[in-house]
Structures are given as structure tokens and as C-alpha cells.
Amino acid sequence: MGNFAFKRLVLSGLFTVGLLTSIPRLSHAQNPQTIPPELQNTLSQLEAAANRQDLDAVMQFYSPTFTTSDNLAASALAQGLEGLWREYNGLRYDIQVKDWQMEGDELIAETLTQISGTRFEGQQRVRLRSEVRSRQRINPQTQQIKSQEILTERTLIFMGDRPPNVDINLPEQVQAGQTFDFDVIVQEPLNGDLLMGGVLEESVAPTYLSRQIFDLELLQAGGLFKRGRIDPNAGDQWFSAVLIRGDGMTMVTQRVRVED
């Protein structure tokens, strides 16, 4: 039917700016003695820097050798944050610590981060909603984040006056070579509206603000219903889908982790 280009946004490597500000919530509740005043002060400084989008100040809290499970280095993280903050002004973070522990001389924190923001594409409002679960290793001596492993991630982008509300059926993790369903289903009746959509599969790579082209088709049912299979040795994949009707568009991107 045609194609559609839109900037695919993946935020997984760009969430750790809020990580350390959340650690006291859980640790303080369990044992106030585990967080020394020096660390509390460091966390306050990081939180303030992130809230005012001070990139230089934020990057002081990352090790020069910082890397993610997607091979995103500190320099690429800085570029990603700069681009993200330029695209979406006034992002709001809601970060929860799900687990944390000391392992040797490292602090390991597992977090669930929700983020939302708004920007404009011409006269159209574009809304972002994303959720990432990740595990970070932190050097307590330097108060720097050493590494990050992405456990799950999903990003939704809504554009227009009435973007479709959708239910998403896609596993977060599969075995290599396993066949699985990828369904994106419109919740509300279409009432005669035409619905177009397309899907895209990509290998996970350290690129977070890239423009992607979807091959669109006219959908006969109220959503997209696909079958997926990730080849052995292919690694983690991003699965994206876009649904468009006359007065709105919804796009979803989700990571699928691959187990050997």
C-alpha cells in the first residue's frame, strides 16, 4: 500500500540518569544505615542535574568506561541524552527500585523506570510513554555507574487527536528459534474508519533516535496479527508496529530478549 517514515525512539540506555535518585527509597525503608550521608548528597546532586537537563553535570556520575548490554558507551549515552532532551522538553520520570544488593565492592540495583513527555511534529502533538526494567552496577567509592543490563523495555508513541488505544501481545523473552505471536490490537471500535499498519524487526543496536520506514498495509481487522521467529545467534531484537487511522497514530517498540 505504501510506506511511512517515523522516528523510532528507544530509551533503554537513556534511563540511568534517574537511577541513583531512587535507591534511597527502598534502602532507607529497610535500613537507614545502609546509605551514608555522602551518598545521599551525591544522589541529590545527580537528581538536580538531571532535572535541569545539565548534561555535563549528569555525565560526571558515569564511569568513563561505562557500557550497556547493547554496547552503548558513555560518549554515545551523552549524545543520546542530548538528543532526547532536545526532542522532548520537560520529561517526567517515575523510577522504582525493585531490588538492590551489595556484591563484593559493587552496588547492584534493579529498577523499573516509567517516563512520559510531549513534543510537537508540526502542529501535531506527539506523546511518549515508556517503561524500562534494567540492572545497574555502581562503584560505591566513586559513585559512578559502571554498567547497565536491559531486562525489558517498551515504548509507545501517540500522535494526533485520537490515536488508537492498543493491547500488545508480545513476549519479553523467547528461546532462540522459537515461534511466537506479535499482535497489536485496537481496543475501541473503528466505526468505519480505515486502519493501516505495519511492523518492523531490527537487531538491538546502540541507536536511540533513528528514523525508520514502515511498509504499510490496509488492515481488514482491528489490528496487526503477526508471527515471529528469531534465528539462533541473532541476539536481542526490537519489534515495532505502527497503526494509523484518519485522526491519530500509535507506534510501539518493544525489546524481545533471546535465550540460547
C-alpha atoms as a PDB file:
ATOM      1  CA  MET A   1       0.000   0.000   0.000  1.00  0.00           C
ATOM      2  CA  GLY A   2       2.832   2.401   0.726  1.00  0.00           C
ATOM      3  CA  ASN A   3       5.348   3.308   3.369  1.00  0.00           C
ATOM      4  CA  PHE A   4       5.547   5.554   6.379  1.00  0.00           C
ATOM      5  CA  ALA A   5       8.648   7.116   7.920  1.00  0.00           C
ATOM      6  CA  PHE A   6       8.752   8.000  11.581  1.00  0.00           C
ATOM      7  CA  LYS A   7      11.454   8.463  14.177  1.00  0.00           C
ATOM      8  CA  ARG A   8      11.659   5.289  16.208  1.00  0.00           C
ATOM      9  CA  LEU A   9      12.597   6.089  19.794  1.00  0.00           C
ATOM     10  CA  VAL A  10      14.192   3.549  22.114  1.00  0.00           C
ATOM     11  CA  LEU A  11      15.036   4.790  25.576  1.00  0.00           C
ATOM     12  CA  SER A  12      16.633   1.821  27.260  1.00  0.00           C
ATOM     13  CA  GLY A  13      20.156   3.200  27.512  1.00  0.00           C
ATOM     14  CA  LEU A  14      18.928   6.666  28.400  1.00  0.00           C
ATOM     15  CA  PHE A  15      17.195   5.853  31.679  1.00  0.00           C
ATOM     16  CA  THR A  16      20.029   5.608  34.139  1.00  0.00           C
ATOM     17  CA  VAL A  17      20.082   9.368  34.694  1.00  0.00           C
ATOM     18  CA  GLY A  18      17.334   8.804  37.233  1.00  0.00           C
ATOM     19  CA  LEU A  19      18.595   5.550  38.664  1.00  0.00           C
ATOM     20  CA  LEU A  20      20.549   6.648  41.698  1.00  0.00           C
ATOM     21  CA  THR A  21      17.925   9.108  42.831  1.00  0.00           C
ATOM     22  CA  SER A  22      15.678   6.137  43.561  1.00  0.00           C
ATOM     23  CA  ILE A  23      17.962   3.933  45.614  1.00  0.00           C
ATOM     24  CA  PRO A  24      17.254   5.638  48.961  1.00  0.00           C
ATOM     25  CA  ARG A  25      13.511   4.944  48.630  1.00  0.00           C
ATOM     26  CA  LEU A  26      13.941   1.215  49.119  1.00  0.00           C
ATOM     27  CA  SER A  27      17.120   1.077  51.145  1.00  0.00           C
ATOM     28  CA  HIS A  28      16.046   3.766  53.571  1.00  0.00           C
ATOM     29  CA  ALA A  29      12.794   1.928  54.213  1.00  0.00           C
ATOM     30  CA  GLN A  30      14.627  -1.294  55.003  1.00  0.00           C
ATOM     31  CA  ASN A  31      17.713   0.026  56.755  1.00  0.00           C
ATOM     32  CA  PRO A  32      18.538   3.732  57.017  1.00  0.00           C
ATOM     33  CA  GLN A  33      22.129   2.893  57.976  1.00  0.00           C
ATOM     34  CA  THR A  34      22.933   1.474  54.521  1.00  0.00           C
ATOM     35  CA  ILE A  35      23.020   4.870  52.797  1.00  0.00           C
ATOM     36  CA  PRO A  36      25.784   7.135  54.124  1.00  0.00           C
ATOM     37  CA  PRO A  37      25.335  10.930  54.036  1.00  0.00           C
ATOM     38  CA  GLU A  38      27.980  11.246  51.314  1.00  0.00           C
ATOM     39  CA  LEU A  39      25.947   9.035  49.002  1.00  0.00           C
ATOM     40  CA  GLN A  40      22.738  10.871  49.847  1.00  0.00           C
ATOM     41  CA  ASN A  41      24.445  14.121  48.872  1.00  0.00           C
ATOM     42  CA  THR A  42      25.691  12.616  45.617  1.00  0.00           C
ATOM     43  CA  LEU A  43      22.210  11.389  44.776  1.00  0.00           C
ATOM     44  CA  SER A  44      20.730  14.830  45.407  1.00  0.00           C
ATOM     45  CA  GLN A  45      23.292  16.402  43.074  1.00  0.00           C
ATOM     46  CA  LEU A  46      22.576  13.880  40.327  1.00  0.00           C
ATOM     47  CA  GLU A  47      18.834  14.359  40.662  1.00  0.00           C
ATOM     48  CA  ALA A  48      19.181  18.139  40.439  1.00  0.00           C
ATOM     49  CA  ALA A  49      21.441  17.880  37.386  1.00  0.00           C
ATOM     50  CA  ALA A  50      19.028  15.555  35.573  1.00  0.00           C
ATOM     51  CA  ASN A  51      16.003  17.711  36.382  1.00  0.00           C
ATOM     52  CA  ARG A  52      17.643  20.799  34.933  1.00  0.00           C
ATOM     53  CA  GLN A  53      18.984  18.742  31.987  1.00  0.00           C
ATOM     54  CA  ASP A  54      22.589  19.665  32.761  1.00  0.00           C
ATOM     55  CA  LEU A  55      24.400  17.136  30.599  1.00  0.00           C
ATOM     56  CA  ASP A  56      27.927  17.863  31.866  1.00  0.00           C
ATOM     57  CA  ALA A  57      26.857  17.500  35.476  1.00  0.00           C
ATOM     58  CA  VAL A  58      24.934  14.291  34.786  1.00  0.00           C
ATOM     59  CA  MET A  59      27.824  12.642  32.954  1.00  0.00           C
ATOM     60  CA  GLN A  60      30.092  13.124  35.969  1.00  0.00           C
ATOM     61  CA  PHE A  61      28.140  10.273  37.564  1.00  0.00           C
ATOM     62  CA  TYR A  62      29.091   7.809  34.795  1.00  0.00           C
ATOM     63  CA  SER A  63      32.332   5.912  34.643  1.00  0.00           C
ATOM     64  CA  PRO A  64      34.470   6.754  31.576  1.00  0.00           C
ATOM     65  CA  THR A  65      34.331   3.030  30.802  1.00  0.00           C
ATOM     66  CA  PHE A  66      30.534   2.835  31.236  1.00  0.00           C
ATOM     67  CA  THR A  67      28.808   0.450  28.857  1.00  0.00           C
ATOM     68  CA  THR A  68      25.437  -1.242  28.475  1.00  0.00           C
ATOM     69  CA  SER A  69      24.418  -4.717  27.369  1.00  0.00           C
ATOM     70  CA  ASP A  70      23.818  -3.069  23.954  1.00  0.00           C
ATOM     71  CA  ASN A  71      27.434  -1.791  23.823  1.00  0.00           C
ATOM     72  CA  LEU A  72      26.382   1.803  24.404  1.00  0.00           C
ATOM     73  CA  ALA A  73      29.419   3.719  25.653  1.00  0.00           C
ATOM     74  CA  ALA A  74      29.431   6.846  27.810  1.00  0.00           C
ATOM     75  CA  SER A  75      30.016   9.134  24.814  1.00  0.00           C
ATOM     76  CA  ALA A  76      27.030   7.655  22.953  1.00  0.00           C
ATOM     77  CA  LEU A  77      24.932   7.949  26.115  1.00  0.00           C
ATOM     78  CA  ALA A  78      25.724  11.657  26.294  1.00  0.00           C
ATOM     79  CA  GLN A  79      24.733  12.125  22.650  1.00  0.00           C
ATOM     80  CA  GLY A  80      21.527  10.180  23.235  1.00  0.00           C
ATOM     81  CA  LEU A  81      20.562  12.228  26.269  1.00  0.00           C
ATOM     82  CA  GLU A  82      21.245  15.463  24.411  1.00  0.00           C
ATOM     83  CA  GLY A  83      19.037  14.354  21.530  1.00  0.00           C
ATOM     84  CA  LEU A  84      16.306  13.056  23.829  1.00  0.00           C
ATOM     85  CA  TRP A  85      16.137  16.273  25.840  1.00  0.00           C
ATOM     86  CA  ARG A  86      16.085  18.311  22.649  1.00  0.00           C
ATOM     87  CA  GLU A  87      13.203  16.246  21.256  1.00  0.00           C
ATOM     88  CA  TYR A  88      11.149  16.082  24.458  1.00  0.00           C
ATOM     89  CA  ASN A  89      11.173  19.039  26.815  1.00  0.00           C
ATOM     90  CA  GLY A  90      10.256  18.531  30.444  1.00  0.00           C
ATOM     91  CA  LEU A  91      10.391  14.745  30.600  1.00  0.00           C
ATOM     92  CA  ARG A  92       8.868  13.217  33.724  1.00  0.00           C
ATOM     93  CA  TYR A  93      10.500  10.210  35.356  1.00  0.00           C
ATOM     94  CA  ASP A  94       8.925   7.729  37.771  1.00  0.00           C
ATOM     95  CA  ILE A  95      11.584   5.307  38.939  1.00  0.00           C
ATOM     96  CA  GLN A  96      11.121   2.421  41.350  1.00  0.00           C
ATOM     97  CA  VAL A  97      13.848   0.223  42.763  1.00  0.00           C
ATOM     98  CA  LYS A  98      12.739  -3.388  42.593  1.00  0.00           C
ATOM     99  CA  ASP A  99      15.841  -4.915  44.138  1.00  0.00           C
ATOM    100  CA  TRP A 100      19.340  -3.942  45.240  1.00  0.00           C
ATOM    101  CA  GLN A 101      22.285  -5.570  46.946  1.00  0.00           C
ATOM    102  CA  MET A 102      25.999  -5.324  47.536  1.00  0.00           C
ATOM    103  CA  GLU A 103      28.083  -7.838  45.579  1.00  0.00           C
ATOM    104  CA  GLY A 104      31.701  -7.605  46.602  1.00  0.00           C
ATOM    105  CA  ASP A 105      32.653  -3.963  46.196  1.00  0.00           C
ATOM    106  CA  GLU A 106      29.795  -3.186  43.778  1.00  0.00           C
ATOM    107  CA  LEU A 107      26.246  -1.980  44.360  1.00  0.00           C
ATOM    108  CA  ILE A 108      23.748  -3.727  42.077  1.00  0.00           C
ATOM    109  CA  ALA A 109      20.347  -2.055  41.627  1.00  0.00           C
ATOM    110  CA  GLU A 110      17.423  -3.301  39.566  1.00  0.00           C
ATOM    111  CA  THR A 111      14.998  -0.549  38.608  1.00  0.00           C
ATOM    112  CA  LEU A 112      11.681  -0.087  36.845  1.00  0.00           C
ATOM    113  CA  THR A 113      11.559   3.302  35.133  1.00  0.00           C
ATOM    114  CA  GLN A 114       8.497   4.933  33.596  1.00  0.00           C
ATOM    115  CA  ILE A 115       8.890   8.065  31.531  1.00  0.00           C
ATOM    116  CA  SER A 116       6.481  10.394  29.762  1.00  0.00           C
ATOM    117  CA  GLY A 117       6.838  13.523  27.670  1.00  0.00           C
ATOM    118  CA  THR A 118       5.377  15.584  24.852  1.00  0.00           C
ATOM    119  CA  ARG A 119       6.728  17.259  21.746  1.00  0.00           C
ATOM    120  CA  PHE A 120       5.230  18.641  18.525  1.00  0.00           C
ATOM    121  CA  GLU A 121       5.633  17.397  14.956  1.00  0.00           C
ATOM    122  CA  GLY A 122       4.453  20.463  13.070  1.00  0.00           C
ATOM    123  CA  GLN A 123       1.063  21.213  14.602  1.00  0.00           C
ATOM    124  CA  GLN A 124       0.588  17.652  15.820  1.00  0.00           C
ATOM    125  CA  ARG A 125       1.169  16.774  19.448  1.00  0.00           C
ATOM    126  CA  VAL A 126       3.319  13.673  19.977  1.00  0.00           C
ATOM    127  CA  ARG A 127       3.108  11.924  23.348  1.00  0.00           C
ATOM    128  CA  LEU A 128       5.656   9.478  24.682  1.00  0.00           C
ATOM    129  CA  ARG A 129       5.148   6.733  27.265  1.00  0.00           C
ATOM    130  CA  SER A 130       7.905   4.271  28.011  1.00  0.00           C
ATOM    131  CA  GLU A 131       8.886   1.648  30.566  1.00  0.00           C
ATOM    132  CA  VAL A 132      12.279   0.043  31.097  1.00  0.00           C
ATOM    133  CA  ARG A 133      13.473  -2.502  33.619  1.00  0.00           C
ATOM    134  CA  SER A 134      17.236  -2.642  33.988  1.00  0.00           C
ATOM    135  CA  ARG A 135      20.074  -3.746  36.260  1.00  0.00           C
ATOM    136  CA  GLN A 136      22.967  -1.411  37.036  1.00  0.00           C
ATOM    137  CA  ARG A 137      26.377  -1.916  38.645  1.00  0.00           C
ATOM    138  CA  ILE A 138      27.668   1.060  40.620  1.00  0.00           C
ATOM    139  CA  ASN A 139      31.047   1.772  42.197  1.00  0.00           C
ATOM    140  CA  PRO A 140      30.237   2.963  45.757  1.00  0.00           C
ATOM    141  CA  GLN A 141      33.649   4.614  46.079  1.00  0.00           C
ATOM    142  CA  THR A 142      33.390   6.862  43.025  1.00  0.00           C
ATOM    143  CA  GLN A 143      29.561   6.965  42.965  1.00  0.00           C
ATOM    144  CA  GLN A 144      29.732   6.245  39.242  1.00  0.00           C
ATOM    145  CA  ILE A 145      27.570   3.888  37.227  1.00  0.00           C
ATOM    146  CA  LYS A 146      29.785   1.232  35.658  1.00  0.00           C
ATOM    147  CA  SER A 147      27.381  -0.784  33.520  1.00  0.00           C
ATOM    148  CA  GLN A 148      23.743  -1.417  32.715  1.00  0.00           C
ATOM    149  CA  GLU A 149      21.879  -4.515  31.551  1.00  0.00           C
ATOM    150  CA  ILE A 150      18.467  -4.051  29.919  1.00  0.00           C
ATOM    151  CA  LEU A 151      15.925  -6.600  31.153  1.00  0.00           C
ATOM    152  CA  THR A 152      12.728  -5.350  29.482  1.00  0.00           C
ATOM    153  CA  GLU A 153      11.656  -2.262  27.551  1.00  0.00           C
ATOM    154  CA  ARG A 154       8.603  -0.956  25.750  1.00  0.00           C
ATOM    155  CA  THR A 155       7.994   2.498  24.261  1.00  0.00           C
ATOM    156  CA  LEU A 156       4.673   3.843  22.970  1.00  0.00           C
ATOM    157  CA  ILE A 157       4.291   6.996  20.884  1.00  0.00           C
ATOM    158  CA  PHE A 158       0.887   8.588  20.251  1.00  0.00           C
ATOM    159  CA  MET A 159       0.264  11.249  17.611  1.00  0.00           C
ATOM    160  CA  GLY A 160      -2.880  13.141  16.643  1.00  0.00           C
ATOM    161  CA  ASP A 161      -6.240  13.873  18.242  1.00  0.00           C
ATOM    162  CA  ARG A 162      -7.413  10.265  18.610  1.00  0.00           C
ATOM    163  CA  PRO A 163      -4.578   7.750  18.358  1.00  0.00           C
ATOM    164  CA  PRO A 164      -5.674   4.121  18.658  1.00  0.00           C
ATOM    165  CA  ASN A 165      -5.537   2.618  22.137  1.00  0.00           C
ATOM    166  CA  VAL A 166      -3.938  -0.781  21.775  1.00  0.00           C
ATOM    167  CA  ASP A 167      -3.350  -4.066  23.549  1.00  0.00           C
ATOM    168  CA  ILE A 168       0.056  -5.606  22.828  1.00  0.00           C
ATOM    169  CA  ASN A 169       0.742  -9.315  22.803  1.00  0.00           C
ATOM    170  CA  LEU A 170       4.469  -9.917  22.517  1.00  0.00           C
ATOM    171  CA  PRO A 171       6.719 -11.953  24.833  1.00  0.00           C
ATOM    172  CA  GLU A 172       9.548 -10.193  26.630  1.00  0.00           C
ATOM    173  CA  GLN A 173      11.821 -13.213  26.253  1.00  0.00           C
ATOM    174  CA  VAL A 174      11.952 -16.196  23.891  1.00  0.00           C
ATOM    175  CA  GLN A 175      14.182 -19.140  23.155  1.00  0.00           C
ATOM    176  CA  ALA A 176      16.363 -18.886  20.062  1.00  0.00           C
ATOM    177  CA  GLY A 177      14.412 -20.309  17.127  1.00  0.00           C
ATOM    178  CA  GLN A 178      11.080 -20.215  18.993  1.00  0.00           C
ATOM    179  CA  THR A 179       7.958 -19.105  17.087  1.00  0.00           C
ATOM    180  CA  PHE A 180       5.743 -16.559  18.837  1.00  0.00           C
ATOM    181  CA  ASP A 181       2.840 -14.165  18.248  1.00  0.00           C
ATOM    182  CA  PHE A 182       3.149 -10.408  17.789  1.00  0.00           C
ATOM    183  CA  ASP A 183      -0.318  -8.850  17.992  1.00  0.00           C
ATOM    184  CA  VAL A 184      -1.216  -5.180  18.336  1.00  0.00           C
ATOM    185  CA  ILE A 185      -4.982  -4.906  18.741  1.00  0.00           C
ATOM    186  CA  VAL A 186      -7.072  -1.727  18.712  1.00  0.00           C
ATOM    187  CA  GLN A 187      -9.222  -1.607  21.837  1.00  0.00           C
ATOM    188  CA  GLU A 188     -12.070   0.602  20.626  1.00  0.00           C
ATOM    189  CA  PRO A 189     -14.468   0.014  17.670  1.00  0.00           C
ATOM    190  CA  LEU A 190     -13.268   1.562  14.412  1.00  0.00           C
ATOM    191  CA  ASN A 191     -16.800   2.672  13.414  1.00  0.00           C
ATOM    192  CA  GLY A 192     -15.991   2.509   9.719  1.00  0.00           C
ATOM    193  CA  ASP A 193     -12.560   4.168   9.957  1.00  0.00           C
ATOM    194  CA  LEU A 194      -9.856   2.805   7.678  1.00  0.00           C
ATOM    195  CA  LEU A 195      -6.908   1.357   9.571  1.00  0.00           C
ATOM    196  CA  MET A 196      -3.399   0.973   8.190  1.00  0.00           C
ATOM    197  CA  GLY A 197      -0.404  -0.597   9.841  1.00  0.00           C
ATOM    198  CA  GLY A 198       2.987  -2.152   9.517  1.00  0.00           C
ATOM    199  CA  VAL A 199       5.630  -3.944  11.527  1.00  0.00           C
ATOM    200  CA  LEU A 200       9.397  -3.796  11.678  1.00  0.00           C
ATOM    201  CA  GLU A 201      12.007  -6.083  13.237  1.00  0.00           C
ATOM    202  CA  GLU A 202      15.545  -4.896  13.957  1.00  0.00           C
ATOM    203  CA  SER A 203      18.554  -6.202  15.813  1.00  0.00           C
ATOM    204  CA  VAL A 204      19.184  -4.261  19.002  1.00  0.00           C
ATOM    205  CA  ALA A 205      21.906  -1.681  18.447  1.00  0.00           C
ATOM    206  CA  PRO A 206      23.094   1.430  20.325  1.00  0.00           C
ATOM    207  CA  THR A 207      20.906   3.803  18.271  1.00  0.00           C
ATOM    208  CA  TYR A 208      18.024   5.517  20.024  1.00  0.00           C
ATOM    209  CA  LEU A 209      16.699   8.297  17.825  1.00  0.00           C
ATOM    210  CA  SER A 210      16.691   6.764  14.354  1.00  0.00           C
ATOM    211  CA  ARG A 211      14.186   7.262  11.546  1.00  0.00           C
ATOM    212  CA  GLN A 212      12.589   4.044  10.344  1.00  0.00           C
ATOM    213  CA  ILE A 213      10.377   3.260   7.349  1.00  0.00           C
ATOM    214  CA  PHE A 214       7.357   1.002   7.789  1.00  0.00           C
ATOM    215  CA  ASP A 215       5.728  -0.800   4.858  1.00  0.00           C
ATOM    216  CA  LEU A 216       2.028  -0.135   5.419  1.00  0.00           C
ATOM    217  CA  GLU A 217      -0.929  -2.321   4.551  1.00  0.00           C
ATOM    218  CA  LEU A 218      -4.665  -1.732   4.762  1.00  0.00           C
ATOM    219  CA  LEU A 219      -5.866  -3.845   7.666  1.00  0.00           C
ATOM    220  CA  GLN A 220      -9.057  -5.852   7.355  1.00  0.00           C
ATOM    221  CA  ALA A 221      -9.246  -6.498  11.110  1.00  0.00           C
ATOM    222  CA  GLY A 222      -8.817  -4.207  14.099  1.00  0.00           C
ATOM    223  CA  GLY A 223      -5.103  -4.604  14.478  1.00  0.00           C
ATOM    224  CA  LEU A 224      -1.915  -6.363  13.412  1.00  0.00           C
ATOM    225  CA  PHE A 225      -1.521 -10.104  13.861  1.00  0.00           C
ATOM    226  CA  LYS A 226       1.907 -11.482  13.013  1.00  0.00           C
ATOM    227  CA  ARG A 227       4.065 -14.499  13.732  1.00  0.00           C
ATOM    228  CA  GLY A 228       7.681 -14.002  14.688  1.00  0.00           C
ATOM    229  CA  ARG A 229      10.781 -16.139  14.936  1.00  0.00           C
ATOM    230  CA  ILE A 230      14.281 -15.037  15.895  1.00  0.00           C
ATOM    231  CA  ASP A 231      17.086 -17.015  14.326  1.00  0.00           C
ATOM    232  CA  PRO A 232      19.690 -18.617  16.585  1.00  0.00           C
ATOM    233  CA  ASN A 233      22.676 -16.330  17.241  1.00  0.00           C
ATOM    234  CA  ALA A 234      20.663 -13.276  16.139  1.00  0.00           C
ATOM    235  CA  GLY A 235      20.663 -11.709  19.608  1.00  0.00           C
ATOM    236  CA  ASP A 236      18.015  -9.455  21.155  1.00  0.00           C
ATOM    237  CA  GLN A 237      15.583  -7.813  18.740  1.00  0.00           C
ATOM    238  CA  TRP A 238      13.366  -4.727  18.649  1.00  0.00           C
ATOM    239  CA  PHE A 239       9.859  -5.336  17.311  1.00  0.00           C
ATOM    240  CA  SER A 240       7.978  -2.204  16.254  1.00  0.00           C
ATOM    241  CA  ALA A 241       4.447  -1.678  14.967  1.00  0.00           C
ATOM    242  CA  VAL A 242       2.547   1.361  13.769  1.00  0.00           C
ATOM    243  CA  LEU A 243      -1.244   1.739  13.464  1.00  0.00           C
ATOM    244  CA  ILE A 244      -2.705   4.747  11.646  1.00  0.00           C
ATOM    245  CA  ARG A 245      -6.230   5.971  11.150  1.00  0.00           C
ATOM    246  CA  GLY A 246      -7.530   9.332   9.990  1.00  0.00           C
ATOM    247  CA  ASP A 247      -7.209  11.204  13.264  1.00  0.00           C
ATOM    248  CA  GLY A 248      -4.343   9.503  15.019  1.00  0.00           C
ATOM    249  CA  MET A 249      -1.343   7.198  15.061  1.00  0.00           C
ATOM    250  CA  THR A 250       0.128   4.816  17.640  1.00  0.00           C
ATOM    251  CA  MET A 251       3.573   3.266  17.447  1.00  0.00           C
ATOM    252  CA  VAL A 252       5.075   0.690  19.791  1.00  0.00           C
ATOM    253  CA  THR A 253       8.625  -0.601  20.078  1.00  0.00           C
ATOM    254  CA  GLN A 254       9.463  -3.490  22.405  1.00  0.00           C
ATOM    255  CA  ARG A 255      12.602  -5.454  23.088  1.00  0.00           C
ATOM    256  CA  VAL A 256      12.468  -9.245  22.883  1.00  0.00           C
ATOM    257  CA  ARG A 257      15.362 -10.904  24.703  1.00  0.00           C
ATOM    258  CA  VAL A 258      16.738 -14.101  23.245  1.00  0.00           C
ATOM    259  CA  GLU A 259      17.877 -17.031  25.358  1.00  0.00           C
ATOM    260  CA  ASP A 260      20.195 -19.641  23.898  1.00  0.00           C
END
